[in-house]
Amino acid sequence: MPSPRIYLPVRDAYAMGDPPLPLGDPRAGEQHIEVDDERDRYLAAKKSAPAATAWSSDELRMRLQAQVTRWLQSTIDHEHPGLVGAADCLDSMVAALQEDLVVMHRDSEAMLPAQAKAVYANVSLPSGWCPACRLGQTFLAIHGPVPSDAGFGREARVQAAQSLFQGRAMVRFVWTLAPDDALDRRKCERGLHASTGASWKSAKSAFLRVERQVIAPLDQKTACFVIRVYTYALRMLGDELVGRVRSSLETMAPSVARYKGFAGNLEAIRAALPDE
């Protein structure tokens, strides 16, 4: 198997909400689902992590599960023949991937794509958010905790939601820093679910954590978010990238630093960065 692809969506000046890229763009990758030599690590992490595997209602499960299952099976068969068996159900298929899956759906009353709701979530490896708490929320509500600083206010979020139902797969990236390469780094506002990751207090090194989100429209009402996390030791990425990370930290709005869990930890984070 190949090594994991390297995606480095870090700017010198920090910004949130970069425009999505079409799937197939060299910067975005060619496949919805990526398989590499870290697959065993991901599947083991999924097995031990408490996945939020649920439909928001039985009515939606009955209406959408077969459609989503057919799409995912067809996508896997096309991109990675033989990776999962044809008899697998939706939950077990996602458990066999390095990616997590969220299904967004809008009913007849949701005029805007941003009003589409997360109606299914099978997420084991979130980056600083709680899948169980997001189930049933709209696209706007899901992104409600994200600060509007750095170019990702309500208007930008409404615009970002347009890619949900535009007929072609798009890819967007979100990045952060972590004190280890733990794949499950959930954060629950209600304190109901704990992350398996370490804290910055004892960090000896820093890792770049990138979330690749493939947005795949199934029709005008339903879309899949195929979410894959990548962790890279910063010491392996070179001085130029480390310089960009340092510059991005210095230009990050305080509200964004708080949202990412950096506030109060900036000195520890700077100390954990490799020397340029």
Protein backbone atom coordinates (compact mmCIF):
# COMPACT_ATOMS: atom_id res chain seq x y z
CA MET A 1 0.00 0.00 0.00
CA PRO A 2 1.16 3.58 -0.56
CA SER A 3 2.13 5.99 2.20
CA PRO A 4 -0.52 8.52 3.28
CA ARG A 5 -0.83 11.54 1.03
CA ILE A 6 0.47 14.81 2.38
CA TYR A 7 -1.95 17.74 2.40
CA LEU A 8 -0.60 21.02 3.76
CA PRO A 9 -3.38 23.68 3.73
CA VAL A 10 -1.44 26.12 5.94
CA ARG A 11 -1.12 29.80 5.04
CA ASP A 12 1.37 32.36 6.33
CA ALA A 13 -1.60 34.48 7.41
CA TYR A 14 -4.24 32.38 9.15
CA ALA A 15 -7.65 32.15 7.48
CA MET A 16 -10.69 29.93 7.88
CA GLY A 17 -13.08 28.79 5.22
CA ASP A 18 -10.93 28.49 2.10
CA PRO A 19 -13.07 27.76 -0.99
CA PRO A 20 -13.50 24.03 -1.66
CA LEU A 21 -11.61 22.40 -4.53
CA PRO A 22 -13.11 19.98 -7.05
CA LEU A 23 -12.29 16.34 -6.48
CA GLY A 24 -9.59 15.48 -9.00
CA ASP A 25 -7.68 18.73 -8.52
CA PRO A 26 -4.07 17.75 -7.66
CA ARG A 27 -4.36 19.75 -4.44
CA ALA A 28 -7.50 17.87 -3.40
CA GLY A 29 -6.82 14.27 -4.37
CA GLU A 30 -8.50 12.08 -6.96
CA GLN A 31 -10.57 9.71 -4.82
CA HIS A 32 -13.40 10.04 -2.32
CA ILE A 33 -11.77 7.33 -0.20
CA GLU A 34 -8.03 6.94 0.29
CA VAL A 35 -6.38 3.69 1.37
CA ASP A 36 -2.77 3.57 2.56
CA ASP A 37 -0.34 1.68 4.77
CA GLU A 38 -1.78 3.25 7.94
CA ARG A 39 -5.13 1.53 7.45
CA ASP A 40 -4.62 -0.93 10.33
CA ARG A 41 -3.92 1.96 12.72
CA TYR A 42 -7.09 3.73 11.68
CA LEU A 43 -9.29 0.66 11.93
CA ALA A 44 -7.88 -0.12 15.38
CA ALA A 45 -8.56 3.46 16.48
CA LYS A 46 -12.11 3.23 15.16
CA LYS A 47 -12.69 -0.03 16.99
CA SER A 48 -11.62 1.50 20.29
CA ALA A 49 -13.27 4.92 19.80
CA PRO A 50 -16.96 5.43 20.63
CA ALA A 51 -18.36 6.08 17.16
CA ALA A 52 -21.48 8.18 16.97
CA THR A 53 -23.36 5.82 14.66
CA ALA A 54 -26.95 6.89 14.35
CA TRP A 55 -29.76 8.26 12.21
CA SER A 56 -31.57 11.29 13.53
CA SER A 57 -34.93 9.53 13.00
CA ASP A 58 -36.27 6.13 11.95
CA GLU A 59 -38.23 7.80 9.15
CA LEU A 60 -35.07 9.21 7.59
CA ARG A 61 -33.21 5.93 8.08
CA MET A 62 -35.95 4.06 6.19
CA ARG A 63 -35.97 6.68 3.45
CA LEU A 64 -32.25 7.30 2.92
CA GLN A 65 -30.19 4.38 4.18
CA ALA A 66 -30.50 2.27 1.02
CA GLN A 67 -29.56 5.23 -1.21
CA VAL A 68 -26.48 6.12 0.85
CA THR A 69 -25.42 2.47 1.14
CA ARG A 70 -25.64 1.98 -2.64
CA TRP A 71 -23.61 5.12 -3.26
CA LEU A 72 -20.90 4.17 -0.78
CA GLN A 73 -20.70 0.58 -2.04
CA SER A 74 -20.45 1.79 -5.65
CA THR A 75 -17.77 4.34 -4.73
CA ILE A 76 -15.67 1.77 -2.86
CA ASP A 77 -16.04 -0.80 -5.66
CA HIS A 78 -14.92 1.77 -8.23
CA GLU A 79 -11.99 3.19 -6.28
CA HIS A 80 -10.85 0.14 -4.28
CA PRO A 81 -12.33 -3.10 -5.67
CA GLY A 82 -12.59 -5.84 -3.07
CA LEU A 83 -11.93 -3.58 -0.08
CA VAL A 84 -15.27 -4.46 1.54
CA GLY A 85 -17.75 -7.23 0.85
CA ALA A 86 -20.88 -6.63 -1.16
CA ALA A 87 -23.10 -7.81 1.70
CA ASP A 88 -21.80 -5.26 4.19
CA CYS A 89 -24.25 -2.81 5.72
CA LEU A 90 -23.62 0.94 5.85
CA ASP A 91 -22.25 0.95 9.40
CA SER A 92 -19.84 -1.92 8.79
CA MET A 93 -18.64 -0.40 5.51
CA VAL A 94 -17.71 2.84 7.26
CA ALA A 95 -15.99 0.85 10.01
CA ALA A 96 -13.76 -0.69 7.31
CA LEU A 97 -12.61 2.70 5.96
CA GLN A 98 -10.06 5.20 7.19
CA GLU A 99 -12.75 7.83 6.61
CA ASP A 100 -15.78 8.73 8.73
CA LEU A 101 -19.16 9.56 7.20
CA VAL A 102 -21.84 12.20 7.79
CA VAL A 103 -25.01 12.45 5.69
CA MET A 104 -26.60 15.88 5.20
CA HIS A 105 -30.22 16.13 4.07
CA ARG A 106 -32.68 18.97 3.58
CA ASP A 107 -36.44 18.50 3.68
CA SER A 108 -39.01 20.42 1.67
CA GLU A 109 -39.01 23.28 4.18
CA ALA A 110 -35.25 23.85 3.96
CA MET A 111 -34.90 26.37 1.16
CA LEU A 112 -31.18 27.02 1.65
CA PRO A 113 -28.45 24.35 1.50
CA ALA A 114 -27.19 25.74 4.82
CA GLN A 115 -30.46 24.52 6.37
CA ALA A 116 -29.64 20.90 5.55
CA LYS A 117 -29.29 18.73 8.66
CA ALA A 118 -26.84 16.04 9.70
CA VAL A 119 -29.21 13.07 9.60
CA TYR A 120 -26.62 10.28 9.88
CA ALA A 121 -23.25 10.25 11.60
CA ASN A 122 -20.69 7.47 11.80
CA VAL A 123 -17.73 9.39 13.21
CA SER A 124 -14.97 7.92 15.37
CA LEU A 125 -12.10 10.32 14.73
CA PRO A 126 -13.33 13.92 15.06
CA SER A 127 -11.06 16.96 15.32
CA GLY A 128 -12.21 19.07 18.26
CA TRP A 129 -15.97 18.52 17.92
CA CYS A 130 -18.56 16.05 19.20
CA PRO A 131 -20.43 14.00 16.57
CA ALA A 132 -23.12 12.87 19.03
CA CYS A 133 -23.95 16.49 19.85
CA ARG A 134 -24.07 17.54 16.18
CA LEU A 135 -26.52 14.89 14.97
CA GLY A 136 -29.75 16.52 13.80
CA GLN A 137 -28.27 20.01 13.58
CA THR A 138 -28.27 22.19 10.46
CA PHE A 139 -25.10 23.06 8.55
CA LEU A 140 -25.23 26.54 10.07
CA ALA A 141 -25.74 25.23 13.61
CA ILE A 142 -22.92 22.70 13.25
CA HIS A 143 -20.57 25.55 12.38
CA GLY A 144 -22.06 27.85 15.02
CA PRO A 145 -19.13 27.44 17.47
CA VAL A 146 -16.65 28.38 14.74
CA PRO A 147 -15.60 32.02 15.17
CA SER A 148 -16.68 34.41 12.45
CA ASP A 149 -13.19 35.96 12.43
CA ALA A 150 -10.78 35.19 9.59
CA GLY A 151 -13.36 35.27 6.83
CA PHE A 152 -15.85 32.61 7.95
CA GLY A 153 -18.89 34.57 9.04
CA ARG A 154 -22.51 33.64 8.37
CA GLU A 155 -22.46 34.78 4.74
CA ALA A 156 -19.32 32.73 4.06
CA ARG A 157 -20.92 29.68 5.71
CA VAL A 158 -24.06 30.03 3.61
CA GLN A 159 -21.84 30.22 0.53
CA ALA A 160 -19.80 27.20 1.66
CA ALA A 161 -22.99 25.17 1.98
CA GLN A 162 -23.71 25.66 -1.73
CA SER A 163 -21.29 22.84 -2.52
CA LEU A 164 -23.59 20.36 -0.76
CA PHE A 165 -25.91 20.00 -3.72
CA GLN A 166 -24.04 21.32 -6.75
CA GLY A 167 -23.77 18.01 -8.58
CA ARG A 168 -20.02 17.39 -8.33
CA ALA A 169 -17.78 16.26 -5.52
CA MET A 170 -15.80 19.01 -3.80
CA VAL A 171 -13.04 18.89 -1.20
CA ARG A 172 -12.31 21.27 1.64
CA PHE A 173 -9.60 21.16 4.29
CA VAL A 174 -9.39 22.18 7.94
CA TRP A 175 -6.14 22.08 9.90
CA THR A 176 -5.04 22.39 13.49
CA LEU A 177 -2.11 21.42 15.73
CA ALA A 178 -2.05 18.58 18.25
CA PRO A 179 0.41 17.43 20.91
CA ASP A 180 0.36 13.83 19.62
CA ASP A 181 -0.86 11.80 16.65
CA ALA A 182 -3.97 10.38 18.38
CA LEU A 183 -6.70 10.02 15.77
CA ASP A 184 -9.65 10.55 18.13
CA ARG A 185 -9.56 14.12 19.43
CA ARG A 186 -13.23 14.75 20.15
CA LYS A 187 -14.32 17.73 22.20
CA CYS A 188 -17.76 17.72 23.78
CA GLU A 189 -19.21 21.03 24.93
CA ARG A 190 -21.43 19.16 27.40
CA GLY A 191 -18.58 17.05 28.77
CA LEU A 192 -20.28 13.81 27.78
CA HIS A 193 -17.56 12.33 25.60
CA ALA A 194 -13.82 12.36 26.27
CA SER A 195 -10.97 12.47 23.75
CA THR A 196 -8.20 9.90 23.81
CA GLY A 197 -5.61 12.54 22.89
CA ALA A 198 -2.96 14.04 25.14
CA SER A 199 -2.83 17.69 26.25
CA TRP A 200 -0.30 20.40 25.47
CA LYS A 201 0.91 20.44 29.09
CA SER A 202 3.14 17.41 28.53
CA ALA A 203 3.83 17.87 24.81
CA LYS A 204 7.34 17.19 23.58
CA SER A 205 6.57 17.71 19.90
CA ALA A 206 3.79 19.02 17.69
CA PHE A 207 1.73 17.38 14.97
CA LEU A 208 -0.12 18.96 12.09
CA ARG A 209 -3.63 17.53 11.97
CA VAL A 210 -5.48 17.94 8.67
CA GLU A 211 -9.12 17.05 8.09
CA ARG A 212 -9.99 16.33 4.46
CA GLN A 213 -13.71 16.60 3.80
CA VAL A 214 -15.06 15.26 0.51
CA ILE A 215 -18.53 16.66 -0.13
CA ALA A 216 -20.40 14.28 -2.43
CA PRO A 217 -23.91 15.32 -3.56
CA LEU A 218 -26.23 12.35 -4.13
CA ASP A 219 -29.13 14.48 -5.37
CA GLN A 220 -30.67 17.90 -4.72
CA LYS A 221 -31.56 17.00 -1.14
CA THR A 222 -28.89 14.60 0.12
CA ALA A 223 -25.11 14.81 0.32
CA CYS A 224 -22.36 12.82 2.02
CA PHE A 225 -19.40 14.23 3.93
CA VAL A 226 -16.56 11.71 3.70
CA ILE A 227 -14.12 12.86 6.39
CA ARG A 228 -10.52 11.68 6.71
CA VAL A 229 -7.99 12.82 9.31
CA TYR A 230 -4.25 12.98 8.58
CA THR A 231 -1.59 13.47 11.25
CA TYR A 232 1.94 14.59 10.35
CA ALA A 233 4.89 15.10 12.70
CA LEU A 234 5.94 18.69 12.06
CA ARG A 235 9.63 17.77 12.39
CA MET A 236 9.21 15.67 9.22
CA LEU A 237 7.66 18.42 7.10
CA GLY A 238 10.59 20.82 6.72
CA ASP A 239 11.53 24.34 7.76
CA GLU A 240 9.33 26.13 5.23
CA LEU A 241 6.15 24.51 6.53
CA VAL A 242 7.17 25.07 10.16
CA GLY A 243 7.71 28.75 9.31
CA ARG A 244 4.21 28.95 7.86
CA VAL A 245 2.76 27.35 10.99
CA ARG A 246 4.58 29.84 13.23
CA SER A 247 3.40 32.77 11.10
CA SER A 248 -0.16 31.45 11.06
CA LEU A 249 -0.16 31.16 14.85
CA GLU A 250 0.98 34.76 15.18
CA THR A 251 -1.78 36.04 12.87
CA MET A 252 -4.56 33.90 14.36
CA ALA A 253 -7.42 35.85 15.97
CA PRO A 254 -7.77 35.27 19.74
CA SER A 255 -11.27 33.86 19.21
CA VAL A 256 -9.91 31.26 16.79
CA ALA A 257 -7.12 30.35 19.21
CA ARG A 258 -9.74 29.76 21.91
CA TYR A 259 -11.88 27.68 19.56
CA LYS A 260 -8.92 25.46 18.66
CA GLY A 261 -7.89 25.01 22.27
CA PHE A 262 -4.69 27.03 21.82
CA ALA A 263 -5.56 29.83 24.26
CA GLY A 264 -3.52 29.39 27.41
CA ASN A 265 -1.30 26.87 25.60
CA LEU A 266 0.48 29.08 23.07
CA GLU A 267 3.82 29.05 24.89
CA ALA A 268 3.73 25.25 25.18
CA ILE A 269 2.78 24.99 21.51
CA ARG A 270 5.62 27.26 20.40
CA ALA A 271 8.06 25.25 22.52
CA ALA A 272 6.84 22.01 20.93
CA LEU A 273 7.40 23.28 17.39
CA PRO A 274 10.65 22.14 15.77
CA ASP A 275 13.39 24.72 15.36
CA GLU A 276 13.49 26.20 11.88
